[in-house]
PDB file of N, CA and C in Angstrom:
ATOM      1  N   UNK A   1     105.048 117.823  66.456  1.00  0.00           N
ATOM      2  CA  UNK A   1     103.608 117.456  67.108  1.00  0.00           C
ATOM      3  C   UNK A   1     102.743 118.483  66.361  1.00  0.00           C
ATOM      4  N   UNK A   2     101.740 117.997  65.659  1.00  0.00           N
ATOM      5  CA  UNK A   2     100.678 118.667  64.721  1.00  0.00           C
ATOM      6  C   UNK A   2      99.464 119.114  65.901  1.00  0.00           C
ATOM      7  N   UNK A   3      99.255 120.347  65.836  1.00  0.00           N
ATOM      8  CA  UNK A   3      97.876 120.844  66.150  1.00  0.00           C
ATOM      9  C   UNK A   3      96.409 120.618  65.667  1.00  0.00           C
ATOM     10  N   UNK A   4      96.007 119.762  65.788  1.00  0.00           N
ATOM     11  CA  UNK A   4      94.790 119.611  65.000  1.00  0.00           C
ATOM     12  C   UNK A   4      93.222 120.743  65.145  1.00  0.00           C
ATOM     13  N   UNK A   5      93.353 121.248  66.594  1.00  0.00           N
ATOM     14  CA  UNK A   5      92.419 122.202  67.103  1.00  0.00           C
ATOM     15  C   UNK A   5      92.872 122.709  68.253  1.00  0.00           C
ATOM     16  N   UNK A   6      92.649 124.017  68.067  1.00  0.00           N
ATOM     17  CA  UNK A   6      92.805 124.924  69.229  1.00  0.00           C
ATOM     18  C   UNK A   6      91.498 125.074  70.112  1.00  0.00           C
ATOM     19  N   UNK A   7      91.670 124.617  71.156  1.00  0.00           N
ATOM     20  CA  UNK A   7      90.362 124.545  71.951  1.00  0.00           C
ATOM     21  C   UNK A   7      89.907 126.046  73.069  1.00  0.00           C
ATOM     22  N   UNK A   8      91.123 126.632  73.268  1.00  0.00           N
ATOM     23  CA  UNK A   8      91.146 127.628  74.052  1.00  0.00           C
ATOM     24  C   UNK A   8      92.358 128.454  73.899  1.00  0.00           C
ATOM     25  N   UNK A   9      92.170 129.746  74.181  1.00  0.00           N
ATOM     26  CA  UNK A   9      93.445 130.646  73.853  1.00  0.00           C
ATOM     27  C   UNK A   9      93.445 131.827  75.095  1.00  0.00           C
ATOM     28  N   UNK A  10      94.314 132.052  75.769  1.00  0.00           N
ATOM     29  CA  UNK A  10      94.319 133.107  76.752  1.00  0.00           C
ATOM     30  C   UNK A  10      95.801 133.773  76.379  1.00  0.00           C
ATOM     31  N   UNK A  11      96.030 135.096  77.033  1.00  0.00           N
ATOM     32  CA  UNK A  11      97.214 135.642  77.076  1.00  0.00           C
ATOM     33  C   UNK A  11      97.754 135.376  78.447  1.00  0.00           C
ATOM     34  N   UNK A  12      99.029 135.208  78.631  1.00  0.00           N
ATOM     35  CA  UNK A  12      99.929 134.757  79.429  1.00  0.00           C
ATOM     36  C   UNK A  12     101.284 135.807  79.707  1.00  0.00           C
ATOM     37  N   UNK A  13     101.346 136.095  80.801  1.00  0.00           N
ATOM     38  CA  UNK A  13     102.602 136.817  81.195  1.00  0.00           C
ATOM     39  C   UNK A  13     104.047 135.636  81.359  1.00  0.00           C
ATOM     40  N   UNK A  14     104.906 136.172  80.637  1.00  0.00           N
ATOM     41  CA  UNK A  14     105.913 135.376  80.721  1.00  0.00           C
ATOM     42  C   UNK A  14     106.192 134.506  82.104  1.00  0.00           C
ATOM     43  N   UNK A  15     106.032 135.274  83.334  1.00  0.00           N
ATOM     44  CA  UNK A  15     106.082 134.666  84.529  1.00  0.00           C
ATOM     45  C   UNK A  15     105.103 133.343  84.782  1.00  0.00           C
ATOM     46  N   UNK A  16     103.956 133.767  84.370  1.00  0.00           N
ATOM     47  CA  UNK A  16     102.868 132.669  84.398  1.00  0.00           C
ATOM     48  C   UNK A  16     103.273 131.424  83.369  1.00  0.00           C
ATOM     49  N   UNK A  17     103.920 131.944  82.515  1.00  0.00           N
ATOM     50  CA  UNK A  17     104.184 130.606  81.177  1.00  0.00           C
ATOM     51  C   UNK A  17     105.385 129.661  82.051  1.00  0.00           C
ATOM     52  N   UNK A  18     106.144 130.595  82.974  1.00  0.00           N
ATOM     53  CA  UNK A  18     107.269 129.676  83.631  1.00  0.00           C
ATOM     54  C   UNK A  18     106.729 128.831  84.800  1.00  0.00           C
ATOM     55  N   UNK A  19     105.865 129.427  85.017  1.00  0.00           N
ATOM     56  CA  UNK A  19     105.180 128.294  86.075  1.00  0.00           C
ATOM     57  C   UNK A  19     104.482 127.124  85.703  1.00  0.00           C
ATOM     58  N   UNK A  20     104.137 127.338  84.672  1.00  0.00           N
ATOM     59  CA  UNK A  20     103.288 126.214  84.023  1.00  0.00           C
ATOM     60  C   UNK A  20     104.291 125.500  83.373  1.00  0.00           C
ATOM     61  N   UNK A  21     105.307 125.947  82.874  1.00  0.00           N
ATOM     62  CA  UNK A  21     106.274 125.103  82.298  1.00  0.00           C
ATOM     63  C   UNK A  21     107.135 124.434  83.273  1.00  0.00           C
ATOM     64  N   UNK A  22     106.975 125.160  84.679  1.00  0.00           N
ATOM     65  CA  UNK A  22     107.971 124.284  85.766  1.00  0.00           C
ATOM     66  C   UNK A  22     106.958 123.082  85.982  1.00  0.00           C
ATOM     67  N   UNK A  23     105.697 123.308  86.356  1.00  0.00           N
ATOM     68  CA  UNK A  23     104.732 122.257  86.686  1.00  0.00           C
ATOM     69  C   UNK A  23     104.795 121.193  85.913  1.00  0.00           C
ATOM     70  N   UNK A  24     104.853 121.554  84.267  1.00  0.00           N
ATOM     71  CA  UNK A  24     104.850 120.291  83.694  1.00  0.00           C
ATOM     72  C   UNK A  24     106.135 119.577  83.835  1.00  0.00           C
ATOM     73  N   UNK A  25     107.343 120.239  84.099  1.00  0.00           N
ATOM     74  CA  UNK A  25     108.425 119.439  84.444  1.00  0.00           C
ATOM     75  C   UNK A  25     108.578 119.001  85.867  1.00  0.00           C
ATOM     76  N   UNK A  26     107.865 119.293  86.799  1.00  0.00           N
ATOM     77  CA  UNK A  26     107.749 118.798  88.224  1.00  0.00           C
ATOM     78  C   UNK A  26     106.813 117.568  87.859  1.00  0.00           C
ATOM     79  N   UNK A  27     105.789 117.398  86.883  1.00  0.00           N
ATOM     80  CA  UNK A  27     104.872 116.299  86.853  1.00  0.00           C
ATOM     81  C   UNK A  27     105.597 115.162  85.932  1.00  0.00           C
ATOM     82  N   UNK A  28     106.853 115.350  85.285  1.00  0.00           N
ATOM     83  CA  UNK A  28     107.144 114.409  84.352  1.00  0.00           C
ATOM     84  C   UNK A  28     108.200 113.411  85.366  1.00  0.00           C
ATOM     85  N   UNK A  29     107.955 112.150  84.714  1.00  0.00           N
ATOM     86  CA  UNK A  29     108.652 111.076  85.495  1.00  0.00           C
ATOM     87  C   UNK A  29     110.049 111.433  85.394  1.00  0.00           C
ATOM     88  N   UNK A  30     110.685 110.532  86.386  1.00  0.00           N
ATOM     89  CA  UNK A  30     112.195 111.086  86.280  1.00  0.00           C
ATOM     90  C   UNK A  30     112.949 110.210  85.202  1.00  0.00           C
ATOM     91  N   UNK A  31     112.556 109.295  84.862  1.00  0.00           N
ATOM     92  CA  UNK A  31     113.094 108.423  83.796  1.00  0.00           C
ATOM     93  C   UNK A  31     113.210 109.048  82.265  1.00  0.00           C
ATOM     94  N   UNK A  32     111.891 109.853  82.361  1.00  0.00           N
ATOM     95  CA  UNK A  32     111.312 110.623  80.815  1.00  0.00           C
ATOM     96  C   UNK A  32     112.012 111.718  80.614  1.00  0.00           C
ATOM     97  N   UNK A  33     112.808 111.615  79.515  1.00  0.00           N
ATOM     98  CA  UNK A  33     113.608 112.682  79.292  1.00  0.00           C
ATOM     99  C   UNK A  33     112.799 113.904  78.490  1.00  0.00           C
ATOM    100  N   UNK A  34     113.269 115.018  78.663  1.00  0.00           N
ATOM    101  CA  UNK A  34     112.236 116.100  77.946  1.00  0.00           C
ATOM    102  C   UNK A  34     112.877 116.399  76.754  1.00  0.00           C
ATOM    103  N   UNK A  35     111.878 116.867  75.819  1.00  0.00           N
ATOM    104  CA  UNK A  35     112.320 117.061  74.333  1.00  0.00           C
ATOM    105  C   UNK A  35     113.311 118.558  74.601  1.00  0.00           C
ATOM    106  N   UNK A  36     114.090 118.515  73.166  1.00  0.00           N
ATOM    107  CA  UNK A  36     114.935 119.812  73.469  1.00  0.00           C
ATOM    108  C   UNK A  36     114.157 121.059  73.442  1.00  0.00           C
ATOM    109  N   UNK A  37     113.161 121.083  73.049  1.00  0.00           N
ATOM    110  CA  UNK A  37     112.310 122.415  72.701  1.00  0.00           C
ATOM    111  C   UNK A  37     111.505 122.904  74.508  1.00  0.00           C
ATOM    112  N   UNK A  38     111.410 121.782  75.045  1.00  0.00           N
ATOM    113  CA  UNK A  38     111.003 121.747  76.393  1.00  0.00           C
ATOM    114  C   UNK A  38     111.942 122.465  77.422  1.00  0.00           C
ATOM    115  N   UNK A  39     113.048 121.731  77.086  1.00  0.00           N
ATOM    116  CA  UNK A  39     114.244 122.381  78.064  1.00  0.00           C
ATOM    117  C   UNK A  39     114.610 123.424  77.652  1.00  0.00           C
ATOM    118  N   UNK A  40     114.711 123.774  76.419  1.00  0.00           N
ATOM    119  CA  UNK A  40     115.192 125.372  76.049  1.00  0.00           C
ATOM    120  C   UNK A  40     114.258 126.444  76.534  1.00  0.00           C
ATOM    121  N   UNK A  41     112.591 125.732  76.444  1.00  0.00           N
ATOM    122  CA  UNK A  41     111.535 127.017  76.869  1.00  0.00           C
ATOM    123  C   UNK A  41     111.856 126.899  78.306  1.00  0.00           C
ATOM    124  N   UNK A  42     111.998 126.087  79.181  1.00  0.00           N
ATOM    125  CA  UNK A  42     111.994 126.003  80.430  1.00  0.00           C
ATOM    126  C   UNK A  42     113.212 127.022  81.160  1.00  0.00           C
ATOM    127  N   UNK A  43     114.384 126.581  80.249  1.00  0.00           N
ATOM    128  CA  UNK A  43     115.520 127.444  80.622  1.00  0.00           C
ATOM    129  C   UNK A  43     115.390 129.154  80.368  1.00  0.00           C
ATOM    130  N   UNK A  44     115.075 129.212  79.031  1.00  0.00           N
ATOM    131  CA  UNK A  44     114.756 130.718  78.847  1.00  0.00           C
ATOM    132  C   UNK A  44     113.888 131.378  79.738  1.00  0.00           C
ATOM    133  N   UNK A  45     112.460 130.637  80.200  1.00  0.00           N
ATOM    134  CA  UNK A  45     111.635 131.349  81.045  1.00  0.00           C
ATOM    135  C   UNK A  45     112.283 131.383  82.446  1.00  0.00           C
ATOM    136  N   UNK A  46     112.974 130.451  82.975  1.00  0.00           N
ATOM    137  CA  UNK A  46     113.674 130.401  84.290  1.00  0.00           C
ATOM    138  C   UNK A  46     114.788 131.804  84.124  1.00  0.00           C
ATOM    139  N   UNK A  47     115.350 132.046  83.186  1.00  0.00           N
ATOM    140  CA  UNK A  47     116.236 133.297  82.820  1.00  0.00           C
ATOM    141  C   UNK A  47     115.552 134.566  82.595  1.00  0.00           C
ATOM    142  N   UNK A  48     114.498 134.677  82.007  1.00  0.00           N
ATOM    143  CA  UNK A  48     114.032 136.063  81.937  1.00  0.00           C
ATOM    144  C   UNK A  48     112.966 136.634  82.675  1.00  0.00           C
ATOM    145  N   UNK A  49     112.112 135.550  82.993  1.00  0.00           N
ATOM    146  CA  UNK A  49     110.994 135.842  83.852  1.00  0.00           C
ATOM    147  C   UNK A  49     111.364 136.595  85.249  1.00  0.00           C
ATOM    148  N   UNK A  50     110.907 137.941  85.408  1.00  0.00           N
ATOM    149  CA  UNK A  50     111.302 138.949  86.224  1.00  0.00           C
ATOM    150  C   UNK A  50     110.625 138.605  87.538  1.00  0.00           C
ATOM    151  N   UNK A  51     109.413 138.050  87.733  1.00  0.00           N
ATOM    152  CA  UNK A  51     108.521 137.774  88.760  1.00  0.00           C
ATOM    153  C   UNK A  51     107.912 136.891  88.669  1.00  0.00           C
ATOM    154  N   UNK A  52     107.183 136.706  89.679  1.00  0.00           N
ATOM    155  CA  UNK A  52     106.138 135.411  89.806  1.00  0.00           C
ATOM    156  C   UNK A  52     105.128 135.733  88.792  1.00  0.00           C
ATOM    157  N   UNK A  53     104.255 134.839  88.758  1.00  0.00           N
ATOM    158  CA  UNK A  53     102.956 134.631  87.843  1.00  0.00           C
ATOM    159  C   UNK A  53     101.913 135.405  88.539  1.00  0.00           C
ATOM    160  N   UNK A  54     101.648 135.539  89.517  1.00  0.00           N
ATOM    161  CA  UNK A  54     100.576 136.204  90.509  1.00  0.00           C
ATOM    162  C   UNK A  54     100.953 137.707  90.294  1.00  0.00           C
ATOM    163  N   UNK A  55     101.932 138.146  90.881  1.00  0.00           N
ATOM    164  CA  UNK A  55     102.789 139.640  90.589  1.00  0.00           C
ATOM    165  C   UNK A  55     102.432 140.136  89.180  1.00  0.00           C
ATOM    166  N   UNK A  56     103.185 139.440  88.463  1.00  0.00           N
ATOM    167  CA  UNK A  56     102.861 139.705  86.846  1.00  0.00           C
ATOM    168  C   UNK A  56     101.579 140.077  86.178  1.00  0.00           C
ATOM    169  N   UNK A  57     100.775 139.097  86.966  1.00  0.00           N
ATOM    170  CA  UNK A  57      99.129 139.051  86.302  1.00  0.00           C
ATOM    171  C   UNK A  57      98.334 140.312  87.017  1.00  0.00           C
ATOM    172  N   UNK A  58      98.906 140.573  88.310  1.00  0.00           N
ATOM    173  CA  UNK A  58      98.373 141.935  89.044  1.00  0.00           C
ATOM    174  C   UNK A  58      98.622 143.154  88.086  1.00  0.00           C
ATOM    175  N   UNK A  59      99.841 143.023  87.815  1.00  0.00           N
ATOM    176  CA  UNK A  59     100.508 144.353  87.208  1.00  0.00           C
ATOM    177  C   UNK A  59      99.428 144.517  85.952  1.00  0.00           C
ATOM    178  N   UNK A  60      99.512 143.482  85.135  1.00  0.00           N
ATOM    179  CA  UNK A  60      99.088 143.487  83.845  1.00  0.00           C
ATOM    180  C   UNK A  60      97.576 143.789  83.701  1.00  0.00           C
ATOM    181  N   UNK A  61      96.723 143.282  84.727  1.00  0.00           N
ATOM    182  CA  UNK A  61      95.660 143.718  85.008  1.00  0.00           C
ATOM    183  C   UNK A  61      95.279 145.173  85.659  1.00  0.00           C
ATOM    184  N   UNK A  62      96.332 145.618  86.407  1.00  0.00           N
ATOM    185  CA  UNK A  62      96.152 147.219  86.442  1.00  0.00           C
ATOM    186  C   UNK A  62      96.365 147.804  85.450  1.00  0.00           C
ATOM    187  N   UNK A  63      97.572 147.783  84.516  1.00  0.00           N
ATOM    188  CA  UNK A  63      97.827 148.388  83.437  1.00  0.00           C
ATOM    189  C   UNK A  63      96.612 148.035  82.339  1.00  0.00           C
ATOM    190  N   UNK A  64      95.957 147.305  82.126  1.00  0.00           N
ATOM    191  CA  UNK A  64      94.885 147.080  80.994  1.00  0.00           C
ATOM    192  C   UNK A  64      93.714 148.173  81.674  1.00  0.00           C
ATOM    193  N   UNK A  65      93.479 148.502  82.610  1.00  0.00           N
ATOM    194  CA  UNK A  65      92.293 149.407  83.123  1.00  0.00           C
ATOM    195  C   UNK A  65      92.732 150.849  82.691  1.00  0.00           C
ATOM    196  N   UNK A  66      93.892 151.073  82.182  1.00  0.00           N
ATOM    197  CA  UNK A  66      94.309 152.467  81.616  1.00  0.00           C
ATOM    198  C   UNK A  66      93.701 152.651  80.459  1.00  0.00           C
ATOM    199  N   UNK A  67      93.783 154.159  79.746  1.00  0.00           N
ATOM    200  CA  UNK A  67      93.471 154.229  78.333  1.00  0.00           C
ATOM    201  C   UNK A  67      94.520 153.816  77.637  1.00  0.00           C
ATOM    202  N   UNK A  68      94.222 154.009  76.166  1.00  0.00           N
ATOM    203  CA  UNK A  68      95.115 153.482  75.507  1.00  0.00           C
ATOM    204  C   UNK A  68      95.997 152.366  75.364  1.00  0.00           C
ATOM    205  N   UNK A  69      95.223 150.909  76.364  1.00  0.00           N
ATOM    206  CA  UNK A  69      96.364 150.169  76.834  1.00  0.00           C
ATOM    207  C   UNK A  69      95.456 148.945  76.123  1.00  0.00           C
ATOM    208  N   UNK A  70      95.822 147.894  75.349  1.00  0.00           N
ATOM    209  CA  UNK A  70      95.562 146.881  74.863  1.00  0.00           C
ATOM    210  C   UNK A  70      96.007 145.721  75.689  1.00  0.00           C
ATOM    211  N   UNK A  71      95.398 144.919  75.895  1.00  0.00           N
ATOM    212  CA  UNK A  71      95.509 143.645  76.726  1.00  0.00           C
ATOM    213  C   UNK A  71      97.021 142.830  76.446  1.00  0.00           C
ATOM    214  N   UNK A  72      97.585 142.786  75.057  1.00  0.00           N
ATOM    215  CA  UNK A  72      98.591 142.509  74.418  1.00  0.00           C
ATOM    216  C   UNK A  72      99.870 143.292  74.898  1.00  0.00           C
ATOM    217  N   UNK A  73      99.630 144.590  74.963  1.00  0.00           N
ATOM    218  CA  UNK A  73     100.377 145.916  75.634  1.00  0.00           C
ATOM    219  C   UNK A  73     100.762 145.667  77.047  1.00  0.00           C
ATOM    220  N   UNK A  74      99.829 145.418  77.723  1.00  0.00           N
ATOM    221  CA  UNK A  74      99.755 145.314  79.313  1.00  0.00           C
ATOM    222  C   UNK A  74     100.532 143.780  79.630  1.00  0.00           C
ATOM    223  N   UNK A  75     100.395 143.009  78.938  1.00  0.00           N
ATOM    224  CA  UNK A  75     101.087 141.771  79.097  1.00  0.00           C
ATOM    225  C   UNK A  75     102.905 141.883  78.817  1.00  0.00           C
ATOM    226  N   UNK A  76     102.907 142.672  77.813  1.00  0.00           N
ATOM    227  CA  UNK A  76     104.304 142.854  77.392  1.00  0.00           C
ATOM    228  C   UNK A  76     105.028 143.810  78.100  1.00  0.00           C
ATOM    229  N   UNK A  77     104.418 144.905  78.903  1.00  0.00           N
ATOM    230  CA  UNK A  77     104.771 145.928  79.800  1.00  0.00           C
ATOM    231  C   UNK A  77     104.952 144.955  81.229  1.00  0.00           C
ATOM    232  N   UNK A  78     104.100 143.916  81.528  1.00  0.00           N
ATOM    233  CA  UNK A  78     104.299 143.495  82.514  1.00  0.00           C
ATOM    234  C   UNK A  78     105.590 142.445  82.580  1.00  0.00           C
ATOM    235  N   UNK A  79     105.790 142.207  81.156  1.00  0.00           N
ATOM    236  CA  UNK A  79     107.124 141.190  81.070  1.00  0.00           C
ATOM    237  C   UNK A  79     108.214 141.808  81.225  1.00  0.00           C
ATOM    238  N   UNK A  80     108.383 142.820  80.385  1.00  0.00           N
ATOM    239  CA  UNK A  80     109.626 143.659  80.317  1.00  0.00           C
ATOM    240  C   UNK A  80     109.993 144.430  81.634  1.00  0.00           C
ATOM    241  N   UNK A  81     108.662 145.079  82.191  1.00  0.00           N
ATOM    242  CA  UNK A  81     109.091 145.957  83.164  1.00  0.00           C
ATOM    243  C   UNK A  81     109.757 147.280  82.884  1.00  0.00           C
ATOM    244  N   UNK A  82     109.753 148.090  82.062  1.00  0.00           N
ATOM    245  CA  UNK A  82     110.464 149.224  81.403  1.00  0.00           C
ATOM    246  C   UNK A  82     110.536 150.263  82.376  1.00  0.00           C
ATOM    247  N   UNK A  83     111.501 150.323  82.733  1.00  0.00           N
ATOM    248  CA  UNK A  83     111.712 151.555  83.828  1.00  0.00           C
ATOM    249  C   UNK A  83     112.040 152.991  83.352  1.00  0.00           C
ATOM    250  N   UNK A  84     112.247 153.283  81.764  1.00  0.00           N
ATOM    251  CA  UNK A  84     112.284 154.714  81.367  1.00  0.00           C
ATOM    252  C   UNK A  84     111.094 154.787  80.001  1.00  0.00           C
ATOM    253  N   UNK A  85     111.080 156.194  80.124  1.00  0.00           N
ATOM    254  CA  UNK A  85     109.961 156.526  79.041  1.00  0.00           C
ATOM    255  C   UNK A  85     110.413 156.079  77.698  1.00  0.00           C
ATOM    256  N   UNK A  86     111.602 155.771  77.158  1.00  0.00           N
ATOM    257  CA  UNK A  86     112.239 155.466  76.184  1.00  0.00           C
ATOM    258  C   UNK A  86     111.803 154.025  75.740  1.00  0.00           C
ATOM    259  N   UNK A  87     112.240 153.069  76.715  1.00  0.00           N
ATOM    260  CA  UNK A  87     111.842 151.624  76.772  1.00  0.00           C
ATOM    261  C   UNK A  87     110.461 151.465  76.611  1.00  0.00           C
ATOM    262  N   UNK A  88     109.424 152.305  77.446  1.00  0.00           N
ATOM    263  CA  UNK A  88     108.075 152.181  77.213  1.00  0.00           C
ATOM    264  C   UNK A  88     107.692 152.825  75.738  1.00  0.00           C
ATOM    265  N   UNK A  89     108.105 153.679  74.898  1.00  0.00           N
ATOM    266  CA  UNK A  89     107.738 153.915  73.874  1.00  0.00           C
ATOM    267  C   UNK A  89     108.065 153.116  72.684  1.00  0.00           C
ATOM    268  N   UNK A  90     109.338 152.271  73.160  1.00  0.00           N
ATOM    269  CA  UNK A  90     109.451 151.283  72.103  1.00  0.00           C
ATOM    270  C   UNK A  90     108.743 150.364  72.182  1.00  0.00           C
ATOM    271  N   UNK A  91     107.912 149.748  73.018  1.00  0.00           N
ATOM    272  CA  UNK A  91     106.622 148.829  73.266  1.00  0.00           C
ATOM    273  C   UNK A  91     105.510 149.458  72.343  1.00  0.00           C
ATOM    274  N   UNK A  92     105.440 150.872  72.303  1.00  0.00           N
ATOM    275  CA  UNK A  92     104.230 151.214  71.577  1.00  0.00           C
ATOM    276  C   UNK A  92     104.849 151.998  70.410  1.00  0.00           C
ATOM    277  N   UNK A  93     105.816 151.663  69.765  1.00  0.00           N
ATOM    278  CA  UNK A  93     106.281 151.869  68.505  1.00  0.00           C
ATOM    279  C   UNK A  93     105.480 151.600  67.200  1.00  0.00           C
ATOM    280  N   UNK A  94     104.721 150.463  67.468  1.00  0.00           N
ATOM    281  CA  UNK A  94     103.879 149.738  66.360  1.00  0.00           C
ATOM    282  C   UNK A  94     102.540 150.495  66.043  1.00  0.00           C
ATOM    283  N   UNK A  95     101.907 151.169  67.574  1.00  0.00           N
ATOM    284  CA  UNK A  95     100.859 151.399  67.371  1.00  0.00           C
ATOM    285  C   UNK A  95     100.426 153.006  66.459  1.00  0.00           C
ATOM    286  N   UNK A  96      99.179 153.166  66.280  1.00  0.00           N
ATOM    287  CA  UNK A  96      99.213 154.267  65.656  1.00  0.00           C
ATOM    288  C   UNK A  96      98.763 155.534  66.458  1.00  0.00           C
ATOM    289  N   UNK A  97      99.040 155.624  67.392  1.00  0.00           N
ATOM    290  CA  UNK A  97      99.026 156.579  68.330  1.00  0.00           C
ATOM    291  C   UNK A  97     100.393 156.807  69.094  1.00  0.00           C
ATOM    292  N   UNK A  98     100.531 157.781  69.870  1.00  0.00           N
ATOM    293  CA  UNK A  98     101.566 158.290  70.681  1.00  0.00           C
ATOM    294  C   UNK A  98     101.208 158.625  72.211  1.00  0.00           C
ATOM    295  N   UNK A  99     101.747 158.336  73.040  1.00  0.00           N
ATOM    296  CA  UNK A  99     101.367 158.675  74.549  1.00  0.00           C
ATOM    297  C   UNK A  99     102.135 160.040  75.163  1.00  0.00           C
ATOM    298  N   UNK A 100     101.285 160.569  75.606  1.00  0.00           N
ATOM    299  CA  UNK A 100     101.725 161.780  75.896  1.00  0.00           C
ATOM    300  C   UNK A 100     102.869 161.553  77.534  1.00  0.00           C
ATOM    301  N   UNK A 101     103.561 162.454  77.900  1.00  0.00           N
ATOM    302  CA  UNK A 101     104.432 162.624  78.767  1.00  0.00           C
ATOM    303  C   UNK A 101     103.667 161.972  80.296  1.00  0.00           C
ATOM    304  N   UNK A 102     102.422 162.549  80.398  1.00  0.00           N
ATOM    305  CA  UNK A 102     101.910 162.120  81.496  1.00  0.00           C
ATOM    306  C   UNK A 102     101.355 160.740  81.562  1.00  0.00           C
ATOM    307  N   UNK A 103     101.089 160.323  80.389  1.00  0.00           N
ATOM    308  CA  UNK A 103     100.702 158.861  80.265  1.00  0.00           C
ATOM    309  C   UNK A 103     101.637 157.913  80.359  1.00  0.00           C
ATOM    310  N   UNK A 104     102.767 158.219  79.954  1.00  0.00           N
ATOM    311  CA  UNK A 104     104.178 157.399  80.070  1.00  0.00           C
ATOM    312  C   UNK A 104     104.610 157.589  81.571  1.00  0.00           C
ATOM    313  N   UNK A 105     104.302 158.662  82.178  1.00  0.00           N
ATOM    314  CA  UNK A 105     104.659 158.764  83.622  1.00  0.00           C
ATOM    315  C   UNK A 105     103.751 157.846  84.574  1.00  0.00           C
ATOM    316  N   UNK A 106     102.277 157.914  84.161  1.00  0.00           N
ATOM    317  CA  UNK A 106     101.501 157.012  85.038  1.00  0.00           C
ATOM    318  C   UNK A 106     101.690 155.630  84.662  1.00  0.00           C
ATOM    319  N   UNK A 107     102.210 154.807  83.810  1.00  0.00           N
ATOM    320  CA  UNK A 107     102.465 153.805  83.407  1.00  0.00           C
ATOM    321  C   UNK A 107     103.529 153.342  84.325  1.00  0.00           C
ATOM    322  N   UNK A 108     104.801 154.197  84.244  1.00  0.00           N
ATOM    323  CA  UNK A 108     105.983 153.786  84.879  1.00  0.00           C
ATOM    324  C   UNK A 108     105.486 154.103  86.275  1.00  0.00           C
ATOM    325  N   UNK A 109     104.963 154.639  86.633  1.00  0.00           N
ATOM    326  CA  UNK A 109     104.337 154.772  88.416  1.00  0.00           C
ATOM    327  C   UNK A 109     103.945 153.269  88.632  1.00  0.00           C
ATOM    328  N   UNK A 110     103.086 152.715  87.787  1.00  0.00           N
ATOM    329  CA  UNK A 110     102.527 151.476  88.142  1.00  0.00           C
ATOM    330  C   UNK A 110     103.307 150.632  88.174  1.00  0.00           C
ATOM    331  N   UNK A 111     104.335 150.628  87.042  1.00  0.00           N
ATOM    332  CA  UNK A 111     105.710 149.615  87.111  1.00  0.00           C
ATOM    333  C   UNK A 111     106.478 149.409  88.192  1.00  0.00           C
ATOM    334  N   UNK A 112     106.755 150.879  88.755  1.00  0.00           N
ATOM    335  CA  UNK A 112     107.626 151.031  89.804  1.00  0.00           C
ATOM    336  C   UNK A 112     107.829 149.982  91.005  1.00  0.00           C
ATOM    337  N   UNK A 113     106.848 149.912  91.510  1.00  0.00           N
ATOM    338  CA  UNK A 113     106.646 149.102  92.629  1.00  0.00           C
ATOM    339  C   UNK A 113     107.045 147.473  92.503  1.00  0.00           C
ATOM    340  N   UNK A 114     106.783 147.127  91.380  1.00  0.00           N
ATOM    341  CA  UNK A 114     106.940 145.798  90.808  1.00  0.00           C
ATOM    342  C   UNK A 114     108.516 145.314  90.419  1.00  0.00           C
ATOM    343  N   UNK A 115     109.453 146.433  90.268  1.00  0.00           N
ATOM    344  CA  UNK A 115     110.487 146.216  89.505  1.00  0.00           C
ATOM    345  C   UNK A 115     111.652 146.150  90.917  1.00  0.00           C
ATOM    346  N   UNK A 116     112.256 145.024  90.675  1.00  0.00           N
ATOM    347  CA  UNK A 116     113.681 145.140  92.205  1.00  0.00           C
ATOM    348  C   UNK A 116     114.634 145.809  92.128  1.00  0.00           C
TER     349      UNK A 116
END
């Protein structure tokens, strides 16, 4: 499938993408077969999404309000739900700055209530 034009673009958490994919699957006719890519995307989303869309978006929005937090990183943290400083540092590995221990702890404190 060729894309002719991008109409809009929005960052989604993995859980939000899962909900969108599942709603597409639900709207699909029973006799209609899904493409290989669609089936794989739905299976992957169902396996790895850790929360529901509303919860992950809430966490991403809270994280986006912090210093040194880009929207892309907030989404990635909401997707991965890191529980240790090392896991969190790996998300920031490509950035041109490092976080202090206090900043890392602040992020982990926000993530902790959302982890199961």
